[in-house]
Amino acid sequence: MKTYNSSMFASIKQALTKDEKSNARKDILRFAPGNTYTVRILPNVDDPAKTFFHYFQIGWKSFATGQYISLVSPSTFGERDPIAEERYKSTEVVQKQIRKKQKLLFDLKNG
């Protein structure tokens, strides 16, 4: 049986600080405000750098049921995420419409 030691915690800290894609510490635990929790986080003894699992989560409110739906994105595992792709496309269309309206307003104002 392996034991917990200071070098294990140092390697966990190093793994968290080298994650440049997101602020890993803010996503470790999320709880509802106003509640009290007791949490124990045990490091992965075999590979301390893999103590925390970094993942991408996607979510939306269902038009059919009105409930919020969330799931782990396939991009977490390096796969294609069609939901995120469609969300990006729709956001891109909206941004183009906003820029077009802003240009029109600018032209009317300065024209």
PDB file of N, CA and C in Angstrom:
ATOM      1  N   MET A   1       0.835  -1.183   0.000  1.00  0.00           N
ATOM      2  CA  MET A   1       0.000   0.000   0.000  1.00  0.00           C
ATOM      3  C   MET A   1       0.878   1.243   0.000  1.00  0.00           C
ATOM      4  N   LYS A   2       0.566   2.160  -0.880  1.00  0.00           N
ATOM      5  CA  LYS A   2       1.339   3.392  -0.964  1.00  0.00           C
ATOM      6  C   LYS A   2       0.827   4.388   0.065  1.00  0.00           C
ATOM      7  N   THR A   3       1.714   5.260   0.484  1.00  0.00           N
ATOM      8  CA  THR A   3       1.337   6.253   1.488  1.00  0.00           C
ATOM      9  C   THR A   3       1.296   7.639   0.868  1.00  0.00           C
ATOM     10  N   TYR A   4       0.595   8.525   1.536  1.00  0.00           N
ATOM     11  CA  TYR A   4       0.517   9.915   1.098  1.00  0.00           C
ATOM     12  C   TYR A   4       1.732  10.652   1.644  1.00  0.00           C
ATOM     13  N   ASN A   5       2.393  11.423   0.783  1.00  0.00           N
ATOM     14  CA  ASN A   5       3.554  12.183   1.236  1.00  0.00           C
ATOM     15  C   ASN A   5       3.565  13.563   0.573  1.00  0.00           C
ATOM     16  N   SER A   6       4.486  14.417   0.983  1.00  0.00           N
ATOM     17  CA  SER A   6       4.519  15.791   0.486  1.00  0.00           C
ATOM     18  C   SER A   6       4.861  15.872  -1.000  1.00  0.00           C
ATOM     19  N   SER A   7       5.662  14.946  -1.500  1.00  0.00           N
ATOM     20  CA  SER A   7       5.996  15.000  -2.931  1.00  0.00           C
ATOM     21  C   SER A   7       4.773  14.692  -3.787  1.00  0.00           C
ATOM     22  N   MET A   8       3.865  13.855  -3.289  1.00  0.00           N
ATOM     23  CA  MET A   8       2.636  13.551  -3.998  1.00  0.00           C
ATOM     24  C   MET A   8       1.792  14.816  -4.150  1.00  0.00           C
ATOM     25  N   PHE A   9       1.677  15.585  -3.066  1.00  0.00           N
ATOM     26  CA  PHE A   9       0.885  16.806  -3.112  1.00  0.00           C
ATOM     27  C   PHE A   9       1.565  17.867  -3.976  1.00  0.00           C
ATOM     28  N   ALA A  10       2.874  17.870  -4.014  1.00  0.00           N
ATOM     29  CA  ALA A  10       3.599  18.803  -4.878  1.00  0.00           C
ATOM     30  C   ALA A  10       3.329  18.483  -6.350  1.00  0.00           C
ATOM     31  N   SER A  11       3.271  17.202  -6.711  1.00  0.00           N
ATOM     32  CA  SER A  11       2.998  16.842  -8.100  1.00  0.00           C
ATOM     33  C   SER A  11       1.552  17.147  -8.484  1.00  0.00           C
ATOM     34  N   ILE A  12       0.630  17.059  -7.528  1.00  0.00           N
ATOM     35  CA  ILE A  12      -0.767  17.442  -7.792  1.00  0.00           C
ATOM     36  C   ILE A  12      -0.839  18.942  -8.050  1.00  0.00           C
ATOM     37  N   LYS A  13      -0.159  19.704  -7.214  1.00  0.00           N
ATOM     38  CA  LYS A  13      -0.145  21.161  -7.372  1.00  0.00           C
ATOM     39  C   LYS A  13       0.453  21.541  -8.723  1.00  0.00           C
ATOM     40  N   GLN A  14       1.509  20.880  -9.119  1.00  0.00           N
ATOM     41  CA  GLN A  14       2.151  21.156 -10.402  1.00  0.00           C
ATOM     42  C   GLN A  14       1.200  20.821 -11.560  1.00  0.00           C
ATOM     43  N   ALA A  15       0.466  19.729 -11.454  1.00  0.00           N
ATOM     44  CA  ALA A  15      -0.485  19.349 -12.509  1.00  0.00           C
ATOM     45  C   ALA A  15      -1.598  20.378 -12.635  1.00  0.00           C
ATOM     46  N   LEU A  16      -2.029  20.958 -11.511  1.00  0.00           N
ATOM     47  CA  LEU A  16      -3.078  21.974 -11.549  1.00  0.00           C
ATOM     48  C   LEU A  16      -2.579  23.284 -12.137  1.00  0.00           C
ATOM     49  N   THR A  17      -1.340  23.652 -11.854  1.00  0.00           N
ATOM     50  CA  THR A  17      -0.830  24.932 -12.335  1.00  0.00           C
ATOM     51  C   THR A  17      -0.435  24.890 -13.803  1.00  0.00           C
ATOM     52  N   LYS A  18      -0.150  23.722 -14.357  1.00  0.00           N
ATOM     53  CA  LYS A  18       0.237  23.674 -15.764  1.00  0.00           C
ATOM     54  C   LYS A  18      -0.967  23.610 -16.693  1.00  0.00           C
ATOM     55  N   ASP A  19      -2.185  23.496 -16.153  1.00  0.00           N
ATOM     56  CA  ASP A  19      -3.396  23.497 -16.969  1.00  0.00           C
ATOM     57  C   ASP A  19      -3.686  24.931 -17.410  1.00  0.00           C
ATOM     58  N   GLU A  20      -3.400  25.244 -18.673  1.00  0.00           N
ATOM     59  CA  GLU A  20      -3.539  26.612 -19.170  1.00  0.00           C
ATOM     60  C   GLU A  20      -4.891  26.870 -19.809  1.00  0.00           C
ATOM     61  N   LYS A  21      -5.678  25.834 -20.093  1.00  0.00           N
ATOM     62  CA  LYS A  21      -6.949  26.025 -20.787  1.00  0.00           C
ATOM     63  C   LYS A  21      -8.009  26.651 -19.888  1.00  0.00           C
ATOM     64  N   SER A  22      -8.005  26.322 -18.619  1.00  0.00           N
ATOM     65  CA  SER A  22      -9.018  26.872 -17.726  1.00  0.00           C
ATOM     66  C   SER A  22      -8.431  27.016 -16.333  1.00  0.00           C
ATOM     67  N   ASN A  23      -9.135  27.745 -15.526  1.00  0.00           N
ATOM     68  CA  ASN A  23      -8.731  27.869 -14.130  1.00  0.00           C
ATOM     69  C   ASN A  23      -9.251  26.634 -13.411  1.00  0.00           C
ATOM     70  N   ALA A  24      -8.430  25.625 -13.302  1.00  0.00           N
ATOM     71  CA  ALA A  24      -8.858  24.327 -12.791  1.00  0.00           C
ATOM     72  C   ALA A  24      -9.358  24.407 -11.362  1.00  0.00           C
ATOM     73  N   ARG A  25      -8.799  25.290 -10.572  1.00  0.00           N
ATOM     74  CA  ARG A  25      -9.199  25.346  -9.173  1.00  0.00           C
ATOM     75  C   ARG A  25     -10.629  25.805  -8.982  1.00  0.00           C
ATOM     76  N   LYS A  26     -11.128  26.677  -9.838  1.00  0.00           N
ATOM     77  CA  LYS A  26     -12.487  27.170  -9.654  1.00  0.00           C
ATOM     78  C   LYS A  26     -13.527  26.100 -10.003  1.00  0.00           C
ATOM     79  N   ASP A  27     -13.148  25.113 -10.825  1.00  0.00           N
ATOM     80  CA  ASP A  27     -14.087  24.086 -11.244  1.00  0.00           C
ATOM     81  C   ASP A  27     -14.001  22.799 -10.424  1.00  0.00           C
ATOM     82  N   ILE A  28     -13.163  22.773  -9.394  1.00  0.00           N
ATOM     83  CA  ILE A  28     -12.992  21.540  -8.638  1.00  0.00           C
ATOM     84  C   ILE A  28     -14.275  21.170  -7.906  1.00  0.00           C
ATOM     85  N   LEU A  29     -14.792  22.075  -7.126  1.00  0.00           N
ATOM     86  CA  LEU A  29     -16.012  21.806  -6.364  1.00  0.00           C
ATOM     87  C   LEU A  29     -17.006  22.945  -6.568  1.00  0.00           C
ATOM     88  N   ARG A  30     -18.252  22.585  -6.825  1.00  0.00           N
ATOM     89  CA  ARG A  30     -19.306  23.587  -6.917  1.00  0.00           C
ATOM     90  C   ARG A  30     -20.482  23.096  -6.086  1.00  0.00           C
ATOM     91  N   PHE A  31     -20.895  23.906  -5.145  1.00  0.00           N
ATOM     92  CA  PHE A  31     -22.006  23.540  -4.275  1.00  0.00           C
ATOM     93  C   PHE A  31     -23.001  24.679  -4.195  1.00  0.00           C
ATOM     94  N   ALA A  32     -24.202  24.356  -3.752  1.00  0.00           N
ATOM     95  CA  ALA A  32     -25.239  25.373  -3.578  1.00  0.00           C
ATOM     96  C   ALA A  32     -24.886  26.271  -2.401  1.00  0.00           C
ATOM     97  N   PRO A  33     -25.096  27.582  -2.534  1.00  0.00           N
ATOM     98  CA  PRO A  33     -24.781  28.490  -1.428  1.00  0.00           C
ATOM     99  C   PRO A  33     -25.718  28.266  -0.240  1.00  0.00           C
ATOM    100  N   GLY A  34     -25.200  28.523   0.951  1.00  0.00           N
ATOM    101  CA  GLY A  34     -26.006  28.403   2.157  1.00  0.00           C
ATOM    102  C   GLY A  34     -25.960  27.038   2.816  1.00  0.00           C
ATOM    103  N   ASN A  35     -25.338  26.069   2.196  1.00  0.00           N
ATOM    104  CA  ASN A  35     -25.244  24.727   2.762  1.00  0.00           C
ATOM    105  C   ASN A  35     -23.846  24.489   3.316  1.00  0.00           C
ATOM    106  N   THR A  36     -23.741  23.551   4.246  1.00  0.00           N
ATOM    107  CA  THR A  36     -22.452  23.187   4.821  1.00  0.00           C
ATOM    108  C   THR A  36     -22.073  21.801   4.315  1.00  0.00           C
ATOM    109  N   TYR A  37     -20.834  21.654   3.865  1.00  0.00           N
ATOM    110  CA  TYR A  37     -20.368  20.379   3.327  1.00  0.00           C
ATOM    111  C   TYR A  37     -19.059  19.980   3.986  1.00  0.00           C
ATOM    112  N   THR A  38     -18.883  18.687   4.168  1.00  0.00           N
ATOM    113  CA  THR A  38     -17.597  18.145   4.582  1.00  0.00           C
ATOM    114  C   THR A  38     -17.077  17.343   3.399  1.00  0.00           C
ATOM    115  N   VAL A  39     -15.902  17.712   2.922  1.00  0.00           N
ATOM    116  CA  VAL A  39     -15.365  17.092   1.718  1.00  0.00           C
ATOM    117  C   VAL A  39     -13.974  16.565   2.008  1.00  0.00           C
ATOM    118  N   ARG A  40     -13.704  15.375   1.529  1.00  0.00           N
ATOM    119  CA  ARG A  40     -12.385  14.780   1.650  1.00  0.00           C
ATOM    120  C   ARG A  40     -11.904  14.421   0.250  1.00  0.00           C
ATOM    121  N   ILE A  41     -10.821  15.016  -0.164  1.00  0.00           N
ATOM    122  CA  ILE A  41     -10.268  14.710  -1.478  1.00  0.00           C
ATOM    123  C   ILE A  41      -9.010  13.882  -1.272  1.00  0.00           C
ATOM    124  N   LEU A  42      -9.055  12.671  -1.797  1.00  0.00           N
ATOM    125  CA  LEU A  42      -7.903  11.778  -1.680  1.00  0.00           C
ATOM    126  C   LEU A  42      -7.152  11.740  -2.998  1.00  0.00           C
ATOM    127  N   PRO A  43      -5.861  11.916  -2.962  1.00  0.00           N
ATOM    128  CA  PRO A  43      -5.087  11.892  -4.200  1.00  0.00           C
ATOM    129  C   PRO A  43      -4.999  10.497  -4.807  1.00  0.00           C
ATOM    130  N   ASN A  44      -4.804  10.474  -6.113  1.00  0.00           N
ATOM    131  CA  ASN A  44      -4.561   9.227  -6.818  1.00  0.00           C
ATOM    132  C   ASN A  44      -3.136   8.797  -6.461  1.00  0.00           C
ATOM    133  N   VAL A  45      -3.000   7.756  -5.695  1.00  0.00           N
ATOM    134  CA  VAL A  45      -1.697   7.344  -5.174  1.00  0.00           C
ATOM    135  C   VAL A  45      -0.798   6.833  -6.293  1.00  0.00           C
ATOM    136  N   ASP A  46      -1.360   6.154  -7.264  1.00  0.00           N
ATOM    137  CA  ASP A  46      -0.557   5.594  -8.348  1.00  0.00           C
ATOM    138  C   ASP A  46      -0.011   6.667  -9.285  1.00  0.00           C
ATOM    139  N   ASP A  47      -0.827   7.687  -9.575  1.00  0.00           N
ATOM    140  CA  ASP A  47      -0.393   8.778 -10.453  1.00  0.00           C
ATOM    141  C   ASP A  47      -0.982  10.089  -9.932  1.00  0.00           C
ATOM    142  N   PRO A  48      -0.267  10.769  -9.027  1.00  0.00           N
ATOM    143  CA  PRO A  48      -0.804  11.976  -8.392  1.00  0.00           C
ATOM    144  C   PRO A  48      -1.202  13.077  -9.376  1.00  0.00           C
ATOM    145  N   ALA A  49      -0.568  13.145 -10.536  1.00  0.00           N
ATOM    146  CA  ALA A  49      -0.917  14.171 -11.519  1.00  0.00           C
ATOM    147  C   ALA A  49      -2.315  13.948 -12.084  1.00  0.00           C
ATOM    148  N   LYS A  50      -2.847  12.739 -11.957  1.00  0.00           N
ATOM    149  CA  LYS A  50      -4.188  12.426 -12.463  1.00  0.00           C
ATOM    150  C   LYS A  50      -5.240  12.444 -11.345  1.00  0.00           C
ATOM    151  N   THR A  51      -4.966  13.173 -10.275  1.00  0.00           N
ATOM    152  CA  THR A  51      -5.910  13.241  -9.168  1.00  0.00           C
ATOM    153  C   THR A  51      -7.211  13.909  -9.601  1.00  0.00           C
ATOM    154  N   PHE A  52      -7.105  14.964 -10.408  1.00  0.00           N
ATOM    155  CA  PHE A  52      -8.288  15.678 -10.863  1.00  0.00           C
ATOM    156  C   PHE A  52      -8.546  15.364 -12.322  1.00  0.00           C
ATOM    157  N   PHE A  53      -9.805  15.140 -12.646  1.00  0.00           N
ATOM    158  CA  PHE A  53     -10.215  14.845 -14.014  1.00  0.00           C
ATOM    159  C   PHE A  53     -10.777  16.127 -14.617  1.00  0.00           C
ATOM    160  N   HIS A  54     -10.138  16.641 -15.657  1.00  0.00           N
ATOM    161  CA  HIS A  54     -10.593  17.868 -16.310  1.00  0.00           C
ATOM    162  C   HIS A  54     -11.553  17.491 -17.434  1.00  0.00           C
ATOM    163  N   TYR A  55     -12.719  18.124 -17.433  1.00  0.00           N
ATOM    164  CA  TYR A  55     -13.715  17.806 -18.434  1.00  0.00           C
ATOM    165  C   TYR A  55     -14.435  19.063 -18.882  1.00  0.00           C
ATOM    166  N   PHE A  56     -15.109  18.968 -20.032  1.00  0.00           N
ATOM    167  CA  PHE A  56     -15.927  20.043 -20.564  1.00  0.00           C
ATOM    168  C   PHE A  56     -17.377  19.621 -20.438  1.00  0.00           C
ATOM    169  N   GLN A  57     -18.201  20.524 -19.969  1.00  0.00           N
ATOM    170  CA  GLN A  57     -19.613  20.222 -19.776  1.00  0.00           C
ATOM    171  C   GLN A  57     -20.438  21.157 -20.641  1.00  0.00           C
ATOM    172  N   ILE A  58     -21.468  20.606 -21.278  1.00  0.00           N
ATOM    173  CA  ILE A  58     -22.380  21.430 -22.067  1.00  0.00           C
ATOM    174  C   ILE A  58     -23.777  21.301 -21.485  1.00  0.00           C
ATOM    175  N   GLY A  59     -24.563  22.337 -21.635  1.00  0.00           N
ATOM    176  CA  GLY A  59     -25.906  22.295 -21.086  1.00  0.00           C
ATOM    177  C   GLY A  59     -26.832  23.253 -21.813  1.00  0.00           C
ATOM    178  N   TRP A  60     -28.116  22.989 -21.720  1.00  0.00           N
ATOM    179  CA  TRP A  60     -29.126  23.836 -22.337  1.00  0.00           C
ATOM    180  C   TRP A  60     -30.464  23.573 -21.675  1.00  0.00           C
ATOM    181  N   LYS A  61     -31.385  24.503 -21.867  1.00  0.00           N
ATOM    182  CA  LYS A  61     -32.735  24.332 -21.355  1.00  0.00           C
ATOM    183  C   LYS A  61     -33.575  23.714 -22.459  1.00  0.00           C
ATOM    184  N   SER A  62     -34.231  22.604 -22.171  1.00  0.00           N
ATOM    185  CA  SER A  62     -35.012  21.875 -23.161  1.00  0.00           C
ATOM    186  C   SER A  62     -36.268  22.658 -23.536  1.00  0.00           C
ATOM    187  N   PHE A  63     -36.511  22.790 -24.844  1.00  0.00           N
ATOM    188  CA  PHE A  63     -37.748  23.431 -25.296  1.00  0.00           C
ATOM    189  C   PHE A  63     -38.952  22.537 -25.012  1.00  0.00           C
ATOM    190  N   ALA A  64     -38.758  21.228 -25.050  1.00  0.00           N
ATOM    191  CA  ALA A  64     -39.854  20.283 -24.875  1.00  0.00           C
ATOM    192  C   ALA A  64     -40.328  20.196 -23.425  1.00  0.00           C
ATOM    193  N   THR A  65     -39.383  20.077 -22.485  1.00  0.00           N
ATOM    194  CA  THR A  65     -39.769  19.863 -21.087  1.00  0.00           C
ATOM    195  C   THR A  65     -39.536  21.075 -20.197  1.00  0.00           C
ATOM    196  N   GLY A  66     -38.694  22.004 -20.652  1.00  0.00           N
ATOM    197  CA  GLY A  66     -38.366  23.168 -19.831  1.00  0.00           C
ATOM    198  C   GLY A  66     -37.306  22.879 -18.784  1.00  0.00           C
ATOM    199  N   GLN A  67     -36.801  21.650 -18.738  1.00  0.00           N
ATOM    200  CA  GLN A  67     -35.777  21.286 -17.767  1.00  0.00           C
ATOM    201  C   GLN A  67     -34.393  21.594 -18.318  1.00  0.00           C
ATOM    202  N   TYR A  68     -33.459  21.848 -17.394  1.00  0.00           N
ATOM    203  CA  TYR A  68     -32.074  22.068 -17.782  1.00  0.00           C
ATOM    204  C   TYR A  68     -31.404  20.716 -17.968  1.00  0.00           C
ATOM    205  N   ILE A  69     -30.729  20.546 -19.097  1.00  0.00           N
ATOM    206  CA  ILE A  69     -30.047  19.293 -19.420  1.00  0.00           C
ATOM    207  C   ILE A  69     -28.555  19.586 -19.507  1.00  0.00           C
ATOM    208  N   SER A  70     -27.741  18.764 -18.863  1.00  0.00           N
ATOM    209  CA  SER A  70     -26.295  18.941 -18.957  1.00  0.00           C
ATOM    210  C   SER A  70     -25.633  17.575 -19.110  1.00  0.00           C
ATOM    211  N   LEU A  71     -24.504  17.583 -19.799  1.00  0.00           N
ATOM    212  CA  LEU A  71     -23.763  16.346 -19.990  1.00  0.00           C
ATOM    213  C   LEU A  71     -22.299  16.658 -20.238  1.00  0.00           C
ATOM    214  N   VAL A  72     -21.468  15.657 -20.118  1.00  0.00           N
ATOM    215  CA  VAL A  72     -20.045  15.804 -20.378  1.00  0.00           C
ATOM    216  C   VAL A  72     -19.849  15.821 -21.889  1.00  0.00           C
ATOM    217  N   SER A  73     -19.136  16.830 -22.354  1.00  0.00           N
ATOM    218  CA  SER A  73     -18.915  17.006 -23.789  1.00  0.00           C
ATOM    219  C   SER A  73     -17.975  15.930 -24.328  1.00  0.00           C
ATOM    220  N   PRO A  74     -18.264  15.423 -25.520  1.00  0.00           N
ATOM    221  CA  PRO A  74     -17.344  14.462 -26.139  1.00  0.00           C
ATOM    222  C   PRO A  74     -15.955  15.049 -26.385  1.00  0.00           C
ATOM    223  N   SER A  75     -15.842  16.385 -26.441  1.00  0.00           N
ATOM    224  CA  SER A  75     -14.532  16.994 -26.653  1.00  0.00           C
ATOM    225  C   SER A  75     -13.594  16.740 -25.474  1.00  0.00           C
ATOM    226  N   THR A  76     -14.153  16.356 -24.324  1.00  0.00           N
ATOM    227  CA  THR A  76     -13.342  15.970 -23.178  1.00  0.00           C
ATOM    228  C   THR A  76     -12.415  14.817 -23.556  1.00  0.00           C
ATOM    229  N   PHE A  77     -12.918  13.934 -24.401  1.00  0.00           N
ATOM    230  CA  PHE A  77     -12.169  12.742 -24.787  1.00  0.00           C
ATOM    231  C   PHE A  77     -11.554  12.877 -26.177  1.00  0.00           C
ATOM    232  N   GLY A  78     -11.500  14.131 -26.699  1.00  0.00           N
ATOM    233  CA  GLY A  78     -10.888  14.390 -27.996  1.00  0.00           C
ATOM    234  C   GLY A  78     -11.778  14.066 -29.177  1.00  0.00           C
ATOM    235  N   GLU A  79     -13.077  13.886 -28.931  1.00  0.00           N
ATOM    236  CA  GLU A  79     -14.002  13.559 -30.009  1.00  0.00           C
ATOM    237  C   GLU A  79     -14.744  14.812 -30.473  1.00  0.00           C
ATOM    238  N   ARG A  80     -15.415  14.725 -31.592  1.00  0.00           N
ATOM    239  CA  ARG A  80     -16.189  15.817 -32.162  1.00  0.00           C
ATOM    240  C   ARG A  80     -17.437  16.063 -31.307  1.00  0.00           C
ATOM    241  N   ASP A  81     -17.760  17.347 -31.052  1.00  0.00           N
ATOM    242  CA  ASP A  81     -18.934  17.704 -30.263  1.00  0.00           C
ATOM    243  C   ASP A  81     -19.918  18.467 -31.147  1.00  0.00           C
ATOM    244  N   PRO A  82     -20.914  17.778 -31.725  1.00  0.00           N
ATOM    245  CA  PRO A  82     -21.837  18.439 -32.653  1.00  0.00           C
ATOM    246  C   PRO A  82     -22.689  19.523 -31.981  1.00  0.00           C
ATOM    247  N   ILE A  83     -22.993  19.376 -30.717  1.00  0.00           N
ATOM    248  CA  ILE A  83     -23.792  20.383 -30.012  1.00  0.00           C
ATOM    249  C   ILE A  83     -23.002  21.684 -29.891  1.00  0.00           C
ATOM    250  N   ALA A  84     -21.757  21.597 -29.505  1.00  0.00           N
ATOM    251  CA  ALA A  84     -20.914  22.786 -29.391  1.00  0.00           C
ATOM    252  C   ALA A  84     -20.692  23.425 -30.754  1.00  0.00           C
ATOM    253  N   GLU A  85     -20.561  22.620 -31.801  1.00  0.00           N
ATOM    254  CA  GLU A  85     -20.383  23.158 -33.148  1.00  0.00           C
ATOM    255  C   GLU A  85     -21.599  23.956 -33.589  1.00  0.00           C
ATOM    256  N   GLU A  86     -22.795  23.420 -33.344  1.00  0.00           N
ATOM    257  CA  GLU A  86     -24.021  24.133 -33.714  1.00  0.00           C
ATOM    258  C   GLU A  86     -24.194  25.402 -32.892  1.00  0.00           C
ATOM    259  N   ARG A  87     -23.850  25.339 -31.620  1.00  0.00           N
ATOM    260  CA  ARG A  87     -23.934  26.528 -30.769  1.00  0.00           C
ATOM    261  C   ARG A  87     -22.996  27.613 -31.285  1.00  0.00           C
ATOM    262  N   TYR A  88     -21.802  27.223 -31.708  1.00  0.00           N
ATOM    263  CA  TYR A  88     -20.843  28.180 -32.255  1.00  0.00           C
ATOM    264  C   TYR A  88     -21.381  28.804 -33.540  1.00  0.00           C
ATOM    265  N   LYS A  89     -21.950  27.970 -34.431  1.00  0.00           N
ATOM    266  CA  LYS A  89     -22.501  28.481 -35.685  1.00  0.00           C
ATOM    267  C   LYS A  89     -23.625  29.475 -35.426  1.00  0.00           C
ATOM    268  N   SER A  90     -24.531  29.148 -34.506  1.00  0.00           N
ATOM    269  CA  SER A  90     -25.656  30.050 -34.229  1.00  0.00           C
ATOM    270  C   SER A  90     -25.162  31.351 -33.606  1.00  0.00           C
ATOM    271  N   THR A  91     -24.154  31.285 -32.756  1.00  0.00           N
ATOM    272  CA  THR A  91     -23.589  32.493 -32.161  1.00  0.00           C
ATOM    273  C   THR A  91     -22.925  33.345 -33.231  1.00  0.00           C
ATOM    274  N   GLU A  92     -22.266  32.704 -34.166  1.00  0.00           N
ATOM    275  CA  GLU A  92     -21.603  33.408 -35.259  1.00  0.00           C
ATOM    276  C   GLU A  92     -22.623  34.160 -36.125  1.00  0.00           C
ATOM    277  N   VAL A  93     -23.763  33.530 -36.409  1.00  0.00           N
ATOM    278  CA  VAL A  93     -24.821  34.168 -37.202  1.00  0.00           C
ATOM    279  C   VAL A  93     -25.363  35.391 -36.468  1.00  0.00           C
ATOM    280  N   VAL A  94     -25.611  35.258 -35.175  1.00  0.00           N
ATOM    281  CA  VAL A  94     -26.126  36.376 -34.378  1.00  0.00           C
ATOM    282  C   VAL A  94     -25.113  37.519 -34.354  1.00  0.00           C
ATOM    283  N   GLN A  95     -23.834  37.209 -34.192  1.00  0.00           N
ATOM    284  CA  GLN A  95     -22.801  38.240 -34.184  1.00  0.00           C
ATOM    285  C   GLN A  95     -22.730  38.978 -35.523  1.00  0.00           C
ATOM    286  N   LYS A  96     -22.895  38.266 -36.628  1.00  0.00           N
ATOM    287  CA  LYS A  96     -22.898  38.904 -37.944  1.00  0.00           C
ATOM    288  C   LYS A  96     -24.075  39.871 -38.063  1.00  0.00           C
ATOM    289  N   GLN A  97     -25.248  39.459 -37.572  1.00  0.00           N
ATOM    290  CA  GLN A  97     -26.420  40.328 -37.626  1.00  0.00           C
ATOM    291  C   GLN A  97     -26.209  41.585 -36.786  1.00  0.00           C
ATOM    292  N   ILE A  98     -25.605  41.437 -35.626  1.00  0.00           N
ATOM    293  CA  ILE A  98     -25.339  42.589 -34.753  1.00  0.00           C
ATOM    294  C   ILE A  98     -24.368  43.549 -35.434  1.00  0.00           C
ATOM    295  N   ARG A  99     -23.292  43.008 -36.030  1.00  0.00           N
ATOM    296  CA  ARG A  99     -22.321  43.874 -36.715  1.00  0.00           C
ATOM    297  C   ARG A  99     -22.955  44.607 -37.887  1.00  0.00           C
ATOM    298  N   LYS A 100     -23.848  43.929 -38.614  1.00  0.00           N
ATOM    299  CA  LYS A 100     -24.534  44.546 -39.744  1.00  0.00           C
ATOM    300  C   LYS A 100     -25.402  45.711 -39.264  1.00  0.00           C
ATOM    301  N   LYS A 101     -26.128  45.519 -38.163  1.00  0.00           N
ATOM    302  CA  LYS A 101     -26.978  46.582 -37.616  1.00  0.00           C
ATOM    303  C   LYS A 101     -26.126  47.742 -37.094  1.00  0.00           C
ATOM    304  N   GLN A 102     -25.007  47.429 -36.468  1.00  0.00           N
ATOM    305  CA  GLN A 102     -24.124  48.475 -35.963  1.00  0.00           C
ATOM    306  C   GLN A 102     -23.552  49.302 -37.112  1.00  0.00           C
ATOM    307  N   LYS A 103     -23.175  48.642 -38.206  1.00  0.00           N
ATOM    308  CA  LYS A 103     -22.657  49.352 -39.371  1.00  0.00           C
ATOM    309  C   LYS A 103     -23.737  50.239 -39.960  1.00  0.00           C
ATOM    310  N   LEU A 104     -24.954  49.740 -40.050  1.00  0.00           N
ATOM    311  CA  LEU A 104     -26.067  50.527 -40.578  1.00  0.00           C
ATOM    312  C   LEU A 104     -26.307  51.764 -39.709  1.00  0.00           C
ATOM    313  N   LEU A 105     -26.321  51.586 -38.408  1.00  0.00           N
ATOM    314  CA  LEU A 105     -26.514  52.720 -37.502  1.00  0.00           C
ATOM    315  C   LEU A 105     -25.376  53.729 -37.627  1.00  0.00           C
ATOM    316  N   PHE A 106     -24.158  53.250 -37.762  1.00  0.00           N
ATOM    317  CA  PHE A 106     -22.997  54.128 -37.912  1.00  0.00           C
ATOM    318  C   PHE A 106     -23.115  54.921 -39.217  1.00  0.00           C
ATOM    319  N   ASP A 107     -23.510  54.230 -40.302  1.00  0.00           N
ATOM    320  CA  ASP A 107     -23.662  54.902 -41.591  1.00  0.00           C
ATOM    321  C   ASP A 107     -24.757  55.959 -41.541  1.00  0.00           C
ATOM    322  N   LEU A 108     -25.870  55.634 -40.861  1.00  0.00           N
ATOM    323  CA  LEU A 108     -26.972  56.603 -40.747  1.00  0.00           C
ATOM    324  C   LEU A 108     -26.557  57.818 -39.909  1.00  0.00           C
ATOM    325  N   LYS A 109     -25.793  57.557 -38.874  1.00  0.00           N
ATOM    326  CA  LYS A 109     -25.351  58.621 -37.978  1.00  0.00           C
ATOM    327  C   LYS A 109     -24.341  59.547 -38.649  1.00  0.00           C
ATOM    328  N   ASN A 110     -23.443  58.961 -39.438  1.00  0.00           N
ATOM    329  CA  ASN A 110     -22.363  59.731 -40.055  1.00  0.00           C
ATOM    330  C   ASN A 110     -22.648  60.079 -41.508  1.00  0.00           C
ATOM    331  N   GLY A 111     -23.777  59.659 -42.037  1.00  0.00           N
ATOM    332  CA  GLY A 111     -24.057  59.818 -43.448  1.00  0.00           C
ATOM    333  C   GLY A 111     -24.731  61.042 -43.793  1.00  0.00           C
TER     334      GLY A 111
END
